[in-house]
């Protein structure tokens, strides 16, 4: 069961501005019913000063999607289009006193619908009119532009983060490699400098493959895992190194990470960091998959 704030529950059970706006002169649509969530946002804008006089929504999705849409309409009513364009998905989540990490994509959908509606009012093309070939995640129709913008705006670091905020990678997982490439691109920056928003705590310089003794290698693995723990602990989870057997690293996921639906993706993120740091293939697996002899079993 997700831990929803009272404000999220209120906007779900008592949504504001549900339905279409009479005499609307702007509309933005995002998502797809076939892919899960969909949102249609309608606005009535005063043509003299571009103030949003009224806003309404029609949402197909979960409680967080409905609450986020309701919150968005409340935030933007009475402000200008230029002011509305500065509303971020974080603003929507904060208005609701927070959303579960796994539901942050609902706030991003609201932001995207707003941008589409403003573009519609101004007679501009919005990038949602894209071809299938430009999509990174075809399961949820998410393209590279949206992923990159969301990574930058929210300081995302892992594929799991991207899935929470955009749903990309939450289906067949075939796009994980492409998402990793976008994460690396944002981290490095277009000019080759490191993006401060993407720096992990206790960043560790990579080493060349084969440059470490076995003991140094194990200590290096311990250091990488230790550098990732603060992010997991912030979400009430944790990870601990149990054993290293050749190219396999066994770990225990504890707290909120234990039994989490996204645990496999968290393990994948740890594995990717170790591969990048050690310059060799590393497989990360739950300690429960260790051979019985290694666990002391008979």
Protein backbone atom coordinates (compact mmCIF):
# COMPACT_ATOMS: atom_id res chain seq x y z
CA UNK A 1 0.00 0.00 0.00
CA UNK A 2 1.42 3.39 -0.99
CA UNK A 3 1.89 5.97 1.76
CA UNK A 4 -0.31 8.82 0.52
CA UNK A 5 -0.56 12.23 2.21
CA UNK A 6 -3.92 13.45 3.44
CA UNK A 7 -3.88 16.07 0.69
CA UNK A 8 -3.44 13.43 -2.00
CA UNK A 9 -6.39 11.50 -0.56
CA UNK A 10 -8.48 14.69 -0.44
CA UNK A 11 -7.80 15.56 -4.08
CA UNK A 12 -8.55 11.96 -5.11
CA UNK A 13 -11.85 11.65 -3.23
CA UNK A 14 -12.83 15.28 -3.86
CA UNK A 15 -11.16 16.31 -7.12
CA UNK A 16 -11.29 19.97 -8.06
CA UNK A 17 -12.16 21.11 -11.58
CA UNK A 18 -12.95 17.65 -12.97
CA UNK A 19 -14.40 17.67 -16.47
CA UNK A 20 -13.98 19.97 -19.44
CA UNK A 21 -14.07 23.76 -19.32
CA UNK A 22 -16.90 25.55 -21.12
CA UNK A 23 -15.63 27.79 -23.91
CA UNK A 24 -12.11 26.41 -23.56
CA UNK A 25 -9.57 27.92 -25.94
CA UNK A 26 -6.63 25.65 -25.07
CA UNK A 27 -6.27 21.90 -24.70
CA UNK A 28 -3.38 19.58 -23.97
CA UNK A 29 -3.46 15.78 -24.09
CA UNK A 30 -0.73 13.44 -22.89
CA UNK A 31 -0.42 9.72 -22.30
CA UNK A 32 -2.49 6.94 -23.75
CA UNK A 33 -5.23 4.78 -22.27
CA UNK A 34 -3.58 1.78 -23.94
CA UNK A 35 -0.35 2.56 -22.05
CA UNK A 36 -1.90 3.18 -18.64
CA UNK A 37 -2.35 6.86 -17.75
CA UNK A 38 -3.85 9.62 -19.87
CA UNK A 39 -4.70 13.26 -19.15
CA UNK A 40 -6.68 15.88 -21.07
CA UNK A 41 -6.30 19.43 -19.73
CA UNK A 42 -8.59 22.22 -20.96
CA UNK A 43 -8.07 25.93 -20.26
CA UNK A 44 -10.01 29.13 -20.74
CA UNK A 45 -7.47 31.89 -21.22
CA UNK A 46 -8.17 35.63 -21.25
CA UNK A 47 -6.75 36.81 -24.61
CA UNK A 48 -6.04 40.31 -23.27
CA UNK A 49 -3.50 39.33 -20.61
CA UNK A 50 -3.18 35.53 -21.01
CA UNK A 51 -4.49 34.89 -17.50
CA UNK A 52 -5.91 31.39 -17.01
CA UNK A 53 -9.52 32.01 -16.04
CA UNK A 54 -10.53 28.38 -15.67
CA UNK A 55 -8.97 24.93 -15.94
CA UNK A 56 -10.44 21.45 -16.06
CA UNK A 57 -9.12 17.91 -16.38
CA UNK A 58 -10.16 14.47 -17.49
CA UNK A 59 -7.80 11.78 -16.24
CA UNK A 60 -7.60 8.06 -16.83
CA UNK A 61 -5.31 6.60 -14.21
CA UNK A 62 -4.64 5.89 -10.57
CA UNK A 63 -5.46 7.97 -7.51
CA UNK A 64 -2.14 9.83 -7.74
CA UNK A 65 -2.84 10.75 -11.36
CA UNK A 66 -6.25 12.16 -10.46
CA UNK A 67 -4.89 14.02 -7.42
CA UNK A 68 -1.99 15.47 -9.44
CA UNK A 69 -4.35 16.67 -12.17
CA UNK A 70 -6.67 18.24 -9.61
CA UNK A 71 -3.74 19.97 -7.89
CA UNK A 72 -2.41 21.29 -11.20
CA UNK A 73 -5.69 22.98 -12.07
CA UNK A 74 -5.80 24.64 -8.65
CA UNK A 75 -2.21 25.88 -9.00
CA UNK A 76 -2.62 27.48 -12.44
CA UNK A 77 -6.04 29.14 -12.15
CA UNK A 78 -5.63 32.91 -11.91
CA UNK A 79 -2.03 33.12 -13.17
CA UNK A 80 -0.67 33.94 -16.61
CA UNK A 81 0.50 31.40 -19.14
CA UNK A 82 4.10 32.51 -18.65
CA UNK A 83 3.77 31.97 -14.91
CA UNK A 84 2.10 28.62 -15.49
CA UNK A 85 4.97 27.48 -17.70
CA UNK A 86 7.27 27.83 -14.68
CA UNK A 87 5.22 25.29 -12.71
CA UNK A 88 7.28 22.12 -12.33
CA UNK A 89 6.29 18.59 -11.48
CA UNK A 90 7.94 19.20 -8.11
CA UNK A 91 5.53 22.08 -7.51
CA UNK A 92 2.61 19.74 -8.14
CA UNK A 93 4.00 17.08 -5.80
CA UNK A 94 4.81 19.66 -3.12
CA UNK A 95 1.27 21.08 -3.37
CA UNK A 96 0.04 17.60 -2.45
CA UNK A 97 2.53 17.33 0.45
CA UNK A 98 4.52 14.82 -1.54
CA UNK A 99 3.92 11.73 -3.65
CA UNK A 100 5.37 8.22 -3.25
CA UNK A 101 8.56 7.93 -5.39
CA UNK A 102 6.86 5.31 -7.56
CA UNK A 103 4.06 7.79 -8.36
CA UNK A 104 6.12 10.85 -9.32
CA UNK A 105 5.36 10.16 -12.99
CA UNK A 106 1.84 11.43 -12.29
CA UNK A 107 3.15 14.90 -11.50
CA UNK A 108 5.32 14.81 -14.63
CA UNK A 109 2.26 13.95 -16.72
CA UNK A 110 0.53 17.05 -15.37
CA UNK A 111 3.45 19.26 -16.30
CA UNK A 112 3.54 17.80 -19.81
CA UNK A 113 -0.20 18.35 -20.30
CA UNK A 114 0.16 21.98 -19.25
CA UNK A 115 2.96 22.57 -21.74
CA UNK A 116 0.87 20.97 -24.47
CA UNK A 117 -2.13 23.19 -23.63
CA UNK A 118 -0.04 26.38 -23.67
CA UNK A 119 1.44 25.39 -27.02
CA UNK A 120 -2.07 24.73 -28.34
CA UNK A 121 -3.26 28.18 -27.23
CA UNK A 122 -0.28 29.87 -28.88
CA UNK A 123 -0.56 27.89 -32.09
CA UNK A 124 2.80 26.23 -31.58
CA UNK A 125 3.78 22.65 -32.26
CA UNK A 126 4.36 20.56 -29.20
CA UNK A 127 6.89 17.76 -29.25
CA UNK A 128 4.30 15.11 -28.31
CA UNK A 129 3.56 14.82 -32.05
CA UNK A 130 6.46 12.42 -32.47
CA UNK A 131 7.16 9.37 -34.54
CA UNK A 132 7.48 5.94 -33.01
CA UNK A 133 11.13 5.75 -34.05
CA UNK A 134 11.96 8.58 -31.63
CA UNK A 135 10.61 6.68 -28.62
CA UNK A 136 12.96 5.19 -26.05
CA UNK A 137 10.30 3.28 -24.11
CA UNK A 138 7.68 1.92 -26.49
CA UNK A 139 5.76 0.22 -23.68
CA UNK A 140 4.75 3.61 -22.25
CA UNK A 141 5.45 5.88 -25.25
CA UNK A 142 8.21 7.92 -23.59
CA UNK A 143 10.81 9.65 -25.75
CA UNK A 144 14.40 10.70 -25.12
CA UNK A 145 13.54 14.40 -24.81
CA UNK A 146 11.10 13.82 -21.97
CA UNK A 147 13.52 11.47 -20.19
CA UNK A 148 16.43 13.90 -20.45
CA UNK A 149 14.36 16.90 -19.34
CA UNK A 150 12.97 14.97 -16.38
CA UNK A 151 16.44 13.77 -15.34
CA UNK A 152 17.77 17.33 -15.41
CA UNK A 153 14.76 18.89 -13.67
CA UNK A 154 14.69 16.38 -10.83
CA UNK A 155 18.35 15.38 -10.45
CA UNK A 156 17.71 11.72 -11.25
CA UNK A 157 20.56 9.20 -11.07
CA UNK A 158 19.32 5.69 -11.86
CA UNK A 159 17.05 3.79 -14.22
CA UNK A 160 14.79 3.16 -11.23
CA UNK A 161 14.51 6.94 -10.68
CA UNK A 162 13.59 7.46 -14.35
CA UNK A 163 10.92 4.76 -14.12
CA UNK A 164 9.41 6.39 -11.03
CA UNK A 165 9.19 9.77 -12.76
CA UNK A 166 8.28 8.78 -16.34
CA UNK A 167 7.30 5.05 -16.27
CA UNK A 168 9.97 4.47 -18.95
CA UNK A 169 11.64 1.12 -18.33
CA UNK A 170 8.82 -0.22 -16.19
CA UNK A 171 7.56 -2.63 -18.82
CA UNK A 172 9.71 -5.05 -20.81
CA UNK A 173 13.01 -3.43 -19.64
CA UNK A 174 14.47 -3.53 -23.17
CA UNK A 175 15.02 0.26 -23.00
CA UNK A 176 17.17 0.19 -19.85
CA UNK A 177 20.39 0.45 -21.82
CA UNK A 178 19.12 3.51 -23.71
CA UNK A 179 18.03 5.12 -20.44
CA UNK A 180 21.48 4.46 -18.96
CA UNK A 181 23.01 6.23 -21.97
CA UNK A 182 20.81 9.28 -21.39
CA UNK A 183 21.71 9.28 -17.69
CA UNK A 184 25.41 9.16 -18.61
CA UNK A 185 24.95 11.97 -21.13
CA UNK A 186 23.29 14.22 -18.57
CA UNK A 187 25.89 13.33 -15.95
CA UNK A 188 28.77 14.19 -18.26
CA UNK A 189 27.10 17.29 -19.69
CA UNK A 190 27.18 18.38 -23.32
CA UNK A 191 30.49 20.20 -22.86
CA UNK A 192 32.15 17.27 -21.13
CA UNK A 193 31.95 18.75 -17.62
CA UNK A 194 30.27 16.94 -14.78
CA UNK A 195 26.71 18.01 -14.04
CA UNK A 196 26.65 18.87 -10.29
CA UNK A 197 23.02 17.77 -10.02
CA UNK A 198 24.00 14.25 -11.05
CA UNK A 199 27.02 13.75 -8.79
CA UNK A 200 26.57 10.84 -6.41
CA UNK A 201 27.63 11.33 -2.78
CA UNK A 202 31.17 10.09 -2.12
CA UNK A 203 31.95 9.83 -5.84
CA UNK A 204 34.75 7.35 -6.60
CA UNK A 205 37.23 7.62 -9.43
CA UNK A 206 37.05 4.61 -11.83
CA UNK A 207 40.04 2.29 -12.12
CA UNK A 208 41.46 0.39 -15.05
CA UNK A 209 40.48 -3.27 -15.36
CA UNK A 210 43.02 -5.60 -13.73
CA UNK A 211 44.73 -2.80 -11.81
CA UNK A 212 43.63 -4.04 -8.37
CA UNK A 213 44.67 -6.95 -6.18
CA UNK A 214 41.86 -9.22 -4.98
CA UNK A 215 41.78 -7.50 -1.56
CA UNK A 216 41.81 -4.04 -3.18
CA UNK A 217 39.02 -5.14 -5.50
CA UNK A 218 36.81 -6.25 -2.59
CA UNK A 219 37.46 -3.01 -0.73
CA UNK A 220 36.62 -1.12 -3.89
CA UNK A 221 33.31 -2.94 -4.17
CA UNK A 222 32.60 -2.12 -0.52
CA UNK A 223 33.36 1.56 -1.18
CA UNK A 224 31.04 1.75 -4.21
CA UNK A 225 28.18 0.12 -2.31
CA UNK A 226 28.81 2.44 0.65
CA UNK A 227 28.57 5.45 -1.68
CA UNK A 228 25.12 4.30 -2.86
CA UNK A 229 23.67 3.58 0.60
CA UNK A 230 22.64 7.18 1.47
CA UNK A 231 20.22 7.28 -1.48
CA UNK A 232 18.63 3.99 -0.42
CA UNK A 233 18.52 5.04 3.23
CA UNK A 234 16.75 8.25 2.24
CA UNK A 235 13.93 6.01 0.93
CA UNK A 236 14.01 3.92 4.16
CA UNK A 237 15.95 1.07 2.58
CA UNK A 238 19.54 -0.17 2.65
CA UNK A 239 21.98 -2.59 1.08
CA UNK A 240 24.87 -4.52 2.61
CA UNK A 241 27.66 -6.50 0.98
CA UNK A 242 27.57 -10.20 1.93
CA UNK A 243 30.16 -11.88 -0.29
CA UNK A 244 32.18 -11.61 -3.48
CA UNK A 245 32.55 -14.78 -5.52
CA UNK A 246 34.50 -14.16 -8.72
CA UNK A 247 32.42 -11.83 -10.88
CA UNK A 248 29.32 -12.18 -8.66
CA UNK A 249 28.62 -9.80 -5.81
CA UNK A 250 26.02 -10.96 -3.28
CA UNK A 251 24.12 -8.33 -1.30
CA UNK A 252 21.26 -8.11 1.18
CA UNK A 253 18.50 -5.60 0.50
CA UNK A 254 16.97 -4.46 3.79
CA UNK A 255 14.29 -2.08 5.06
CA UNK A 256 11.96 -0.73 2.38
CA UNK A 257 14.20 -2.29 -0.28
CA UNK A 258 13.47 -5.81 1.00
CA UNK A 259 10.75 -7.35 -1.15
CA UNK A 260 10.17 -4.07 -3.02
CA UNK A 261 8.65 -4.45 -6.48
CA UNK A 262 11.54 -2.36 -7.83
CA UNK A 263 14.28 -4.34 -6.01
CA UNK A 264 15.53 -5.97 -9.22
CA UNK A 265 15.97 -2.54 -10.81
CA UNK A 266 17.84 -1.32 -7.70
CA UNK A 267 20.18 -4.30 -8.01
CA UNK A 268 20.63 -3.42 -11.68
CA UNK A 269 21.61 0.13 -10.76
CA UNK A 270 24.19 -1.14 -8.24
CA UNK A 271 25.51 -3.57 -10.84
CA UNK A 272 25.91 -0.80 -13.42
CA UNK A 273 27.86 1.37 -10.97
CA UNK A 274 30.21 -1.50 -10.13
CA UNK A 275 30.78 -2.28 -13.80
CA UNK A 276 31.60 1.36 -14.52
CA UNK A 277 33.88 1.67 -11.49
CA UNK A 278 35.82 -1.60 -11.82
CA UNK A 279 35.94 -1.68 -15.60
CA UNK A 280 34.86 -5.32 -15.72
CA UNK A 281 31.67 -7.31 -15.83
CA UNK A 282 30.07 -7.66 -12.40
CA UNK A 283 26.84 -9.48 -11.58
CA UNK A 284 24.94 -8.35 -8.48
CA UNK A 285 22.60 -10.92 -6.94
CA UNK A 286 20.59 -11.27 -3.71
CA UNK A 287 22.41 -13.17 -0.96
CA UNK A 288 19.56 -15.66 -0.97
CA UNK A 289 20.85 -16.97 -4.32
CA UNK A 290 24.28 -17.88 -2.94
CA UNK A 291 25.24 -21.55 -3.25
CA UNK A 292 24.31 -23.42 -0.05
CA UNK A 293 27.96 -24.31 0.61
CA UNK A 294 28.92 -20.64 0.54
CA UNK A 295 26.15 -19.92 3.05
CA UNK A 296 27.34 -22.67 5.33
CA UNK A 297 24.55 -25.07 4.37
CA UNK A 298 24.95 -28.84 4.37
